[in-house]
Amino acid sequence: MRPACTATQMIDDARVRVTRFDFAPGEETGWHRHGFDYVITTLTDCEMLLEEPGGGSRQVTVPAGTSYRRQEGVEHNVVNGGKKPMSFVELELK
């Protein structure tokens, strides 16, 4: 079991939930399933280790200041697989 990242809720209203995630190297979100479509915007370069159902994993590097979106239903554990702190903001569309 790894230490947990810091999740800071910034907005949570009828339309959106916005959460900032800050990770020291080796910290994780913990396993979760996304209940809404969502958009991630990176604040730092993010070297993510994505652990996926069934035991698979993959390393993904997302440069600072970029965004991507995913649909509801994604299930994973996000780990800072790099050697530097990483941060991103997640916007969930309710």
PDB file of N, CA and C in Angstrom:
ATOM      1  N   MET A   1       0.833  -1.187   0.000  1.00  0.00           N
ATOM      2  CA  MET A   1       0.000   0.000   0.000  1.00  0.00           C
ATOM      3  C   MET A   1       0.877   1.249   0.000  1.00  0.00           C
ATOM      4  N   ARG A   2       0.594   2.126  -0.923  1.00  0.00           N
ATOM      5  CA  ARG A   2       1.351   3.367  -1.039  1.00  0.00           C
ATOM      6  C   ARG A   2       0.654   4.487  -0.265  1.00  0.00           C
ATOM      7  N   PRO A   3       1.385   5.572   0.025  1.00  0.00           N
ATOM      8  CA  PRO A   3       0.720   6.729   0.636  1.00  0.00           C
ATOM      9  C   PRO A   3      -0.240   7.384  -0.358  1.00  0.00           C
ATOM     10  N   ALA A   4      -1.279   8.013   0.181  1.00  0.00           N
ATOM     11  CA  ALA A   4      -2.292   8.662  -0.657  1.00  0.00           C
ATOM     12  C   ALA A   4      -1.847  10.065  -1.065  1.00  0.00           C
ATOM     13  N   CYS A   5      -2.246  10.450  -2.264  1.00  0.00           N
ATOM     14  CA  CYS A   5      -2.032  11.813  -2.724  1.00  0.00           C
ATOM     15  C   CYS A   5      -2.975  12.741  -1.964  1.00  0.00           C
ATOM     16  N   THR A   6      -2.810  14.036  -2.160  1.00  0.00           N
ATOM     17  CA  THR A   6      -3.697  15.027  -1.550  1.00  0.00           C
ATOM     18  C   THR A   6      -4.720  15.463  -2.583  1.00  0.00           C
ATOM     19  N   ALA A   7      -5.998  15.315  -2.263  1.00  0.00           N
ATOM     20  CA  ALA A   7      -7.100  15.730  -3.140  1.00  0.00           C
ATOM     21  C   ALA A   7      -7.808  16.900  -2.469  1.00  0.00           C
ATOM     22  N   THR A   8      -7.824  18.047  -3.154  1.00  0.00           N
ATOM     23  CA  THR A   8      -8.444  19.251  -2.612  1.00  0.00           C
ATOM     24  C   THR A   8      -9.622  19.634  -3.493  1.00  0.00           C
ATOM     25  N   GLN A   9     -10.816  19.528  -2.938  1.00  0.00           N
ATOM     26  CA  GLN A   9     -12.014  19.876  -3.709  1.00  0.00           C
ATOM     27  C   GLN A   9     -12.121  21.393  -3.797  1.00  0.00           C
ATOM     28  N   MET A  10     -12.251  21.888  -5.035  1.00  0.00           N
ATOM     29  CA  MET A  10     -12.295  23.323  -5.282  1.00  0.00           C
ATOM     30  C   MET A  10     -13.716  23.816  -5.551  1.00  0.00           C
ATOM     31  N   ILE A  11     -14.498  23.027  -6.282  1.00  0.00           N
ATOM     32  CA  ILE A  11     -15.894  23.346  -6.598  1.00  0.00           C
ATOM     33  C   ILE A  11     -16.669  22.037  -6.586  1.00  0.00           C
ATOM     34  N   ASP A  12     -17.869  22.071  -6.049  1.00  0.00           N
ATOM     35  CA  ASP A  12     -18.773  20.930  -6.144  1.00  0.00           C
ATOM     36  C   ASP A  12     -20.184  21.488  -6.119  1.00  0.00           C
ATOM     37  N   ASP A  13     -20.791  21.613  -7.295  1.00  0.00           N
ATOM     38  CA  ASP A  13     -22.143  22.148  -7.384  1.00  0.00           C
ATOM     39  C   ASP A  13     -22.991  21.226  -8.257  1.00  0.00           C
ATOM     40  N   ALA A  14     -24.123  21.693  -8.697  1.00  0.00           N
ATOM     41  CA  ALA A  14     -25.042  20.857  -9.469  1.00  0.00           C
ATOM     42  C   ALA A  14     -24.497  20.467 -10.840  1.00  0.00           C
ATOM     43  N   ARG A  15     -23.543  21.224 -11.355  1.00  0.00           N
ATOM     44  CA  ARG A  15     -23.063  20.980 -12.722  1.00  0.00           C
ATOM     45  C   ARG A  15     -21.680  20.355 -12.814  1.00  0.00           C
ATOM     46  N   VAL A  16     -20.759  20.727 -11.903  1.00  0.00           N
ATOM     47  CA  VAL A  16     -19.381  20.244 -11.993  1.00  0.00           C
ATOM     48  C   VAL A  16     -18.799  19.961 -10.613  1.00  0.00           C
ATOM     49  N   ARG A  17     -17.770  19.130 -10.601  1.00  0.00           N
ATOM     50  CA  ARG A  17     -16.919  18.945  -9.429  1.00  0.00           C
ATOM     51  C   ARG A  17     -15.487  19.161  -9.914  1.00  0.00           C
ATOM     52  N   VAL A  18     -14.762  20.039  -9.256  1.00  0.00           N
ATOM     53  CA  VAL A  18     -13.380  20.335  -9.618  1.00  0.00           C
ATOM     54  C   VAL A  18     -12.495  19.982  -8.428  1.00  0.00           C
ATOM     55  N   THR A  19     -11.498  19.141  -8.676  1.00  0.00           N
ATOM     56  CA  THR A  19     -10.607  18.677  -7.614  1.00  0.00           C
ATOM     57  C   THR A  19      -9.164  18.801  -8.082  1.00  0.00           C
ATOM     58  N   ARG A  20      -8.320  19.351  -7.208  1.00  0.00           N
ATOM     59  CA  ARG A  20      -6.880  19.401  -7.479  1.00  0.00           C
ATOM     60  C   ARG A  20      -6.230  18.206  -6.786  1.00  0.00           C
ATOM     61  N   PHE A  21      -5.358  17.511  -7.528  1.00  0.00           N
ATOM     62  CA  PHE A  21      -4.615  16.372  -6.993  1.00  0.00           C
ATOM     63  C   PHE A  21      -3.129  16.703  -6.981  1.00  0.00           C
ATOM     64  N   ASP A  22      -2.498  16.530  -5.823  1.00  0.00           N
ATOM     65  CA  ASP A  22      -1.064  16.763  -5.650  1.00  0.00           C
ATOM     66  C   ASP A  22      -0.428  15.476  -5.145  1.00  0.00           C
ATOM     67  N   PHE A  23       0.609  15.040  -5.837  1.00  0.00           N
ATOM     68  CA  PHE A  23       1.278  13.776  -5.536  1.00  0.00           C
ATOM     69  C   PHE A  23       2.769  13.996  -5.294  1.00  0.00           C
ATOM     70  N   ALA A  24       3.286  13.487  -4.202  1.00  0.00           N
ATOM     71  CA  ALA A  24       4.732  13.307  -4.054  1.00  0.00           C
ATOM     72  C   ALA A  24       5.088  12.042  -4.843  1.00  0.00           C
ATOM     73  N   PRO A  25       6.345  11.843  -5.174  1.00  0.00           N
ATOM     74  CA  PRO A  25       6.720  10.605  -5.864  1.00  0.00           C
ATOM     75  C   PRO A  25       6.237   9.372  -5.085  1.00  0.00           C
ATOM     76  N   GLY A  26       5.603   8.449  -5.795  1.00  0.00           N
ATOM     77  CA  GLY A  26       5.127   7.210  -5.196  1.00  0.00           C
ATOM     78  C   GLY A  26       3.736   7.273  -4.590  1.00  0.00           C
ATOM     79  N   GLU A  27       3.138   8.463  -4.477  1.00  0.00           N
ATOM     80  CA  GLU A  27       1.792   8.547  -3.929  1.00  0.00           C
ATOM     81  C   GLU A  27       0.757   8.147  -4.975  1.00  0.00           C
ATOM     82  N   GLU A  28      -0.437   7.741  -4.494  1.00  0.00           N
ATOM     83  CA  GLU A  28      -1.482   7.235  -5.365  1.00  0.00           C
ATOM     84  C   GLU A  28      -2.851   7.813  -5.017  1.00  0.00           C
ATOM     85  N   THR A  29      -3.771   7.694  -5.984  1.00  0.00           N
ATOM     86  CA  THR A  29      -5.160   8.073  -5.715  1.00  0.00           C
ATOM     87  C   THR A  29      -5.891   6.985  -4.955  1.00  0.00           C
ATOM     88  N   GLY A  30      -5.499   5.741  -5.165  1.00  0.00           N
ATOM     89  CA  GLY A  30      -6.280   4.592  -4.715  1.00  0.00           C
ATOM     90  C   GLY A  30      -7.220   4.199  -5.845  1.00  0.00           C
ATOM     91  N   TRP A  31      -7.650   2.946  -5.834  1.00  0.00           N
ATOM     92  CA  TRP A  31      -8.534   2.453  -6.889  1.00  0.00           C
ATOM     93  C   TRP A  31      -9.854   3.199  -6.872  1.00  0.00           C
ATOM     94  N   HIS A  32     -10.310   3.602  -8.038  1.00  0.00           N
ATOM     95  CA  HIS A  32     -11.592   4.300  -8.146  1.00  0.00           C
ATOM     96  C   HIS A  32     -12.172   4.123  -9.536  1.00  0.00           C
ATOM     97  N   ARG A  33     -13.494   4.298  -9.609  1.00  0.00           N
ATOM     98  CA  ARG A  33     -14.223   4.258 -10.881  1.00  0.00           C
ATOM     99  C   ARG A  33     -14.874   5.622 -11.067  1.00  0.00           C
ATOM    100  N   HIS A  34     -14.664   6.226 -12.218  1.00  0.00           N
ATOM    101  CA  HIS A  34     -15.213   7.548 -12.494  1.00  0.00           C
ATOM    102  C   HIS A  34     -16.707   7.455 -12.785  1.00  0.00           C
ATOM    103  N   GLY A  35     -17.491   8.180 -12.004  1.00  0.00           N
ATOM    104  CA  GLY A  35     -18.940   8.181 -12.154  1.00  0.00           C
ATOM    105  C   GLY A  35     -19.450   9.238 -13.116  1.00  0.00           C
ATOM    106  N   PHE A  36     -18.540  10.065 -13.637  1.00  0.00           N
ATOM    107  CA  PHE A  36     -18.899  11.133 -14.580  1.00  0.00           C
ATOM    108  C   PHE A  36     -17.840  11.217 -15.665  1.00  0.00           C
ATOM    109  N   ASP A  37     -18.207  11.786 -16.832  1.00  0.00           N
ATOM    110  CA  ASP A  37     -17.200  12.188 -17.807  1.00  0.00           C
ATOM    111  C   ASP A  37     -16.297  13.208 -17.112  1.00  0.00           C
ATOM    112  N   TYR A  38     -15.016  13.250 -17.516  1.00  0.00           N
ATOM    113  CA  TYR A  38     -14.108  14.173 -16.837  1.00  0.00           C
ATOM    114  C   TYR A  38     -13.009  14.675 -17.760  1.00  0.00           C
ATOM    115  N   VAL A  39     -12.430  15.806 -17.343  1.00  0.00           N
ATOM    116  CA  VAL A  39     -11.310  16.435 -18.044  1.00  0.00           C
ATOM    117  C   VAL A  39     -10.192  16.634 -17.032  1.00  0.00           C
ATOM    118  N   ILE A  40      -8.981  16.280 -17.423  1.00  0.00           N
ATOM    119  CA  ILE A  40      -7.790  16.495 -16.603  1.00  0.00           C
ATOM    120  C   ILE A  40      -6.953  17.584 -17.270  1.00  0.00           C
ATOM    121  N   THR A  41      -6.478  18.549 -16.473  1.00  0.00           N
ATOM    122  CA  THR A  41      -5.501  19.540 -16.942  1.00  0.00           C
ATOM    123  C   THR A  41      -4.297  19.460 -16.013  1.00  0.00           C
ATOM    124  N   THR A  42      -3.130  19.210 -16.582  1.00  0.00           N
ATOM    125  CA  THR A  42      -1.916  19.047 -15.785  1.00  0.00           C
ATOM    126  C   THR A  42      -1.331  20.414 -15.424  1.00  0.00           C
ATOM    127  N   LEU A  43      -0.864  20.527 -14.189  1.00  0.00           N
ATOM    128  CA  LEU A  43      -0.194  21.738 -13.717  1.00  0.00           C
ATOM    129  C   LEU A  43       1.313  21.585 -13.775  1.00  0.00           C
ATOM    130  N   THR A  44       1.770  20.335 -13.725  1.00  0.00           N
ATOM    131  CA  THR A  44       3.185  19.989 -13.834  1.00  0.00           C
ATOM    132  C   THR A  44       3.304  18.882 -14.875  1.00  0.00           C
ATOM    133  N   ASP A  45       4.525  18.568 -15.265  1.00  0.00           N
ATOM    134  CA  ASP A  45       4.719  17.339 -16.034  1.00  0.00           C
ATOM    135  C   ASP A  45       4.277  16.191 -15.122  1.00  0.00           C
ATOM    136  N   CYS A  46       3.488  15.286 -15.655  1.00  0.00           N
ATOM    137  CA  CYS A  46       2.961  14.178 -14.856  1.00  0.00           C
ATOM    138  C   CYS A  46       3.421  12.854 -15.447  1.00  0.00           C
ATOM    139  N   GLU A  47       4.247  12.138 -14.689  1.00  0.00           N
ATOM    140  CA  GLU A  47       4.672  10.794 -15.070  1.00  0.00           C
ATOM    141  C   GLU A  47       3.765   9.821 -14.319  1.00  0.00           C
ATOM    142  N   MET A  48       2.652   9.480 -14.957  1.00  0.00           N
ATOM    143  CA  MET A  48       1.623   8.664 -14.310  1.00  0.00           C
ATOM    144  C   MET A  48       1.847   7.182 -14.564  1.00  0.00           C
ATOM    145  N   LEU A  49       1.779   6.411 -13.497  1.00  0.00           N
ATOM    146  CA  LEU A  49       1.684   4.962 -13.606  1.00  0.00           C
ATOM    147  C   LEU A  49       0.200   4.665 -13.422  1.00  0.00           C
ATOM    148  N   LEU A  50      -0.439   4.163 -14.453  1.00  0.00           N
ATOM    149  CA  LEU A  50      -1.868   3.858 -14.414  1.00  0.00           C
ATOM    150  C   LEU A  50      -2.040   2.354 -14.223  1.00  0.00           C
ATOM    151  N   GLU A  51      -2.538   1.965 -13.054  1.00  0.00           N
ATOM    152  CA  GLU A  51      -2.825   0.565 -12.779  1.00  0.00           C
ATOM    153  C   GLU A  51      -4.264   0.317 -13.187  1.00  0.00           C
ATOM    154  N   GLU A  52      -4.481  -0.753 -13.939  1.00  0.00           N
ATOM    155  CA  GLU A  52      -5.790  -1.008 -14.531  1.00  0.00           C
ATOM    156  C   GLU A  52      -6.356  -2.343 -14.066  1.00  0.00           C
ATOM    157  N   PRO A  53      -7.690  -2.506 -14.149  1.00  0.00           N
ATOM    158  CA  PRO A  53      -8.307  -3.767 -13.745  1.00  0.00           C
ATOM    159  C   PRO A  53      -7.654  -4.955 -14.466  1.00  0.00           C
ATOM    160  N   GLY A  54      -7.581  -6.055 -13.778  1.00  0.00           N
ATOM    161  CA  GLY A  54      -7.002  -7.255 -14.366  1.00  0.00           C
ATOM    162  C   GLY A  54      -5.508  -7.359 -14.154  1.00  0.00           C
ATOM    163  N   GLY A  55      -4.910  -6.392 -13.452  1.00  0.00           N
ATOM    164  CA  GLY A  55      -3.486  -6.479 -13.135  1.00  0.00           C
ATOM    165  C   GLY A  55      -2.564  -5.763 -14.100  1.00  0.00           C
ATOM    166  N   GLY A  56      -3.101  -5.176 -15.164  1.00  0.00           N
ATOM    167  CA  GLY A  56      -2.254  -4.454 -16.110  1.00  0.00           C
ATOM    168  C   GLY A  56      -1.891  -3.075 -15.599  1.00  0.00           C
ATOM    169  N   SER A  57      -0.840  -2.518 -16.185  1.00  0.00           N
ATOM    170  CA  SER A  57      -0.453  -1.142 -15.871  1.00  0.00           C
ATOM    171  C   SER A  57       0.275  -0.559 -17.073  1.00  0.00           C
ATOM    172  N   ARG A  58       0.300   0.777 -17.111  1.00  0.00           N
ATOM    173  CA  ARG A  58       1.047   1.459 -18.168  1.00  0.00           C
ATOM    174  C   ARG A  58       1.547   2.785 -17.644  1.00  0.00           C
ATOM    175  N   GLN A  59       2.683   3.208 -18.170  1.00  0.00           N
ATOM    176  CA  GLN A  59       3.300   4.475 -17.802  1.00  0.00           C
ATOM    177  C   GLN A  59       2.931   5.502 -18.866  1.00  0.00           C
ATOM    178  N   VAL A  60       2.431   6.663 -18.443  1.00  0.00           N
ATOM    179  CA  VAL A  60       2.023   7.722 -19.358  1.00  0.00           C
ATOM    180  C   VAL A  60       2.639   9.025 -18.872  1.00  0.00           C
ATOM    181  N   THR A  61       3.269   9.772 -19.779  1.00  0.00           N
ATOM    182  CA  THR A  61       3.792  11.093 -19.442  1.00  0.00           C
ATOM    183  C   THR A  61       2.904  12.135 -20.091  1.00  0.00           C
ATOM    184  N   VAL A  62       2.341  13.026 -19.261  1.00  0.00           N
ATOM    185  CA  VAL A  62       1.461  14.085 -19.745  1.00  0.00           C
ATOM    186  C   VAL A  62       2.158  15.421 -19.431  1.00  0.00           C
ATOM    187  N   PRO A  63       2.545  16.182 -20.455  1.00  0.00           N
ATOM    188  CA  PRO A  63       3.274  17.429 -20.223  1.00  0.00           C
ATOM    189  C   PRO A  63       2.445  18.474 -19.474  1.00  0.00           C
ATOM    190  N   ALA A  64       3.106  19.328 -18.728  1.00  0.00           N
ATOM    191  CA  ALA A  64       2.452  20.412 -17.990  1.00  0.00           C
ATOM    192  C   ALA A  64       1.637  21.276 -18.939  1.00  0.00           C
ATOM    193  N   GLY A  65       0.445  21.681 -18.480  1.00  0.00           N
ATOM    194  CA  GLY A  65      -0.389  22.594 -19.245  1.00  0.00           C
ATOM    195  C   GLY A  65      -1.217  21.957 -20.333  1.00  0.00           C
ATOM    196  N   THR A  66      -1.274  20.631 -20.374  1.00  0.00           N
ATOM    197  CA  THR A  66      -2.086  19.952 -21.379  1.00  0.00           C
ATOM    198  C   THR A  66      -3.316  19.337 -20.729  1.00  0.00           C
ATOM    199  N   SER A  67      -4.291  19.023 -21.553  1.00  0.00           N
ATOM    200  CA  SER A  67      -5.550  18.464 -21.066  1.00  0.00           C
ATOM    201  C   SER A  67      -5.924  17.227 -21.862  1.00  0.00           C
ATOM    202  N   TYR A  68      -6.696  16.356 -21.228  1.00  0.00           N
ATOM    203  CA  TYR A  68      -7.317  15.235 -21.932  1.00  0.00           C
ATOM    204  C   TYR A  68      -8.645  14.943 -21.260  1.00  0.00           C
ATOM    205  N   ARG A  69      -9.521  14.220 -21.974  1.00  0.00           N
ATOM    206  CA  ARG A  69     -10.827  13.882 -21.404  1.00  0.00           C
ATOM    207  C   ARG A  69     -11.084  12.394 -21.535  1.00  0.00           C
ATOM    208  N   ARG A  70     -11.898  11.898 -20.623  1.00  0.00           N
ATOM    209  CA  ARG A  70     -12.298  10.490 -20.623  1.00  0.00           C
ATOM    210  C   ARG A  70     -13.783  10.415 -20.286  1.00  0.00           C
ATOM    211  N   GLN A  71     -14.375   9.295 -20.641  1.00  0.00           N
ATOM    212  CA  GLN A  71     -15.795   9.099 -20.371  1.00  0.00           C
ATOM    213  C   GLN A  71     -16.008   8.396 -19.037  1.00  0.00           C
ATOM    214  N   GLU A  72     -17.203   8.560 -18.521  1.00  0.00           N
ATOM    215  CA  GLU A  72     -17.635   7.883 -17.308  1.00  0.00           C
ATOM    216  C   GLU A  72     -17.312   6.396 -17.404  1.00  0.00           C
ATOM    217  N   GLY A  73     -16.944   5.807 -16.279  1.00  0.00           N
ATOM    218  CA  GLY A  73     -16.718   4.371 -16.237  1.00  0.00           C
ATOM    219  C   GLY A  73     -15.265   3.951 -16.166  1.00  0.00           C
ATOM    220  N   VAL A  74     -14.332   4.870 -16.419  1.00  0.00           N
ATOM    221  CA  VAL A  74     -12.914   4.523 -16.328  1.00  0.00           C
ATOM    222  C   VAL A  74     -12.612   4.085 -14.901  1.00  0.00           C
ATOM    223  N   GLU A  75     -11.902   2.965 -14.774  1.00  0.00           N
ATOM    224  CA  GLU A  75     -11.519   2.444 -13.468  1.00  0.00           C
ATOM    225  C   GLU A  75     -10.017   2.270 -13.436  1.00  0.00           C
ATOM    226  N   HIS A  76      -9.363   2.818 -12.409  1.00  0.00           N
ATOM    227  CA  HIS A  76      -7.909   2.723 -12.322  1.00  0.00           C
ATOM    228  C   HIS A  76      -7.404   3.232 -10.978  1.00  0.00           C
ATOM    229  N   ASN A  77      -6.105   3.080 -10.783  1.00  0.00           N
ATOM    230  CA  ASN A  77      -5.361   3.696  -9.694  1.00  0.00           C
ATOM    231  C   ASN A  77      -4.271   4.521 -10.352  1.00  0.00           C
ATOM    232  N   VAL A  78      -4.184   5.806 -10.006  1.00  0.00           N
ATOM    233  CA  VAL A  78      -3.164   6.685 -10.570  1.00  0.00           C
ATOM    234  C   VAL A  78      -2.045   6.843  -9.543  1.00  0.00           C
ATOM    235  N   VAL A  79      -0.802   6.584  -9.982  1.00  0.00           N
ATOM    236  CA  VAL A  79       0.367   6.663  -9.115  1.00  0.00           C
ATOM    237  C   VAL A  79       1.360   7.638  -9.742  1.00  0.00           C
ATOM    238  N   ASN A  80       2.003   8.456  -8.912  1.00  0.00           N
ATOM    239  CA  ASN A  80       3.115   9.267  -9.426  1.00  0.00           C
ATOM    240  C   ASN A  80       4.286   8.315  -9.604  1.00  0.00           C
ATOM    241  N   GLY A  81       4.536   7.948 -10.854  1.00  0.00           N
ATOM    242  CA  GLY A  81       5.617   7.027 -11.175  1.00  0.00           C
ATOM    243  C   GLY A  81       6.933   7.719 -11.453  1.00  0.00           C
ATOM    244  N   GLY A  82       6.986   9.032 -11.259  1.00  0.00           N
ATOM    245  CA  GLY A  82       8.204   9.802 -11.521  1.00  0.00           C
ATOM    246  C   GLY A  82       8.980  10.096 -10.249  1.00  0.00           C
ATOM    247  N   LYS A  83       9.989  10.945 -10.409  1.00  0.00           N
ATOM    248  CA  LYS A  83      10.870  11.300  -9.294  1.00  0.00           C
ATOM    249  C   LYS A  83      10.612  12.699  -8.770  1.00  0.00           C
ATOM    250  N   LYS A  84       9.635  13.419  -9.371  1.00  0.00           N
ATOM    251  CA  LYS A  84       9.306  14.779  -8.951  1.00  0.00           C
ATOM    252  C   LYS A  84       7.828  14.840  -8.571  1.00  0.00           C
ATOM    253  N   PRO A  85       7.452  15.815  -7.737  1.00  0.00           N
ATOM    254  CA  PRO A  85       6.024  15.992  -7.437  1.00  0.00           C
ATOM    255  C   PRO A  85       5.239  16.247  -8.719  1.00  0.00           C
ATOM    256  N   MET A  86       3.973  15.834  -8.734  1.00  0.00           N
ATOM    257  CA  MET A  86       3.109  16.108  -9.881  1.00  0.00           C
ATOM    258  C   MET A  86       1.750  16.580  -9.382  1.00  0.00           C
ATOM    259  N   SER A  87       1.109  17.417 -10.222  1.00  0.00           N
ATOM    260  CA  SER A  87      -0.201  17.973  -9.866  1.00  0.00           C
ATOM    261  C   SER A  87      -1.063  18.110 -11.103  1.00  0.00           C
ATOM    262  N   PHE A  88      -2.364  17.865 -10.919  1.00  0.00           N
ATOM    263  CA  PHE A  88      -3.332  18.127 -11.989  1.00  0.00           C
ATOM    264  C   PHE A  88      -4.664  18.504 -11.384  1.00  0.00           C
ATOM    265  N   VAL A  89      -5.516  19.106 -12.216  1.00  0.00           N
ATOM    266  CA  VAL A  89      -6.869  19.464 -11.832  1.00  0.00           C
ATOM    267  C   VAL A  89      -7.821  18.596 -12.644  1.00  0.00           C
ATOM    268  N   GLU A  90      -8.790  17.998 -11.959  1.00  0.00           N
ATOM    269  CA  GLU A  90      -9.794  17.163 -12.591  1.00  0.00           C
ATOM    270  C   GLU A  90     -11.135  17.887 -12.528  1.00  0.00           C
ATOM    271  N   LEU A  91     -11.791  18.011 -13.669  1.00  0.00           N
ATOM    272  CA  LEU A  91     -13.116  18.607 -13.765  1.00  0.00           C
ATOM    273  C   LEU A  91     -14.090  17.515 -14.176  1.00  0.00           C
ATOM    274  N   GLU A  92     -15.025  17.177 -13.287  1.00  0.00           N
ATOM    275  CA  GLU A  92     -16.041  16.159 -13.579  1.00  0.00           C
ATOM    276  C   GLU A  92     -17.313  16.854 -14.032  1.00  0.00           C
ATOM    277  N   LEU A  93     -17.905  16.365 -15.126  1.00  0.00           N
ATOM    278  CA  LEU A  93     -19.114  16.939 -15.702  1.00  0.00           C
ATOM    279  C   LEU A  93     -20.317  16.154 -15.217  1.00  0.00           C
ATOM    280  N   LYS A  94     -21.133  16.745 -14.369  1.00  0.00           N
ATOM    281  CA  LYS A  94     -22.275  16.042 -13.785  1.00  0.00           C
ATOM    282  C   LYS A  94     -23.451  16.012 -14.742  1.00  0.00           C
TER     283      LYS A  94
END
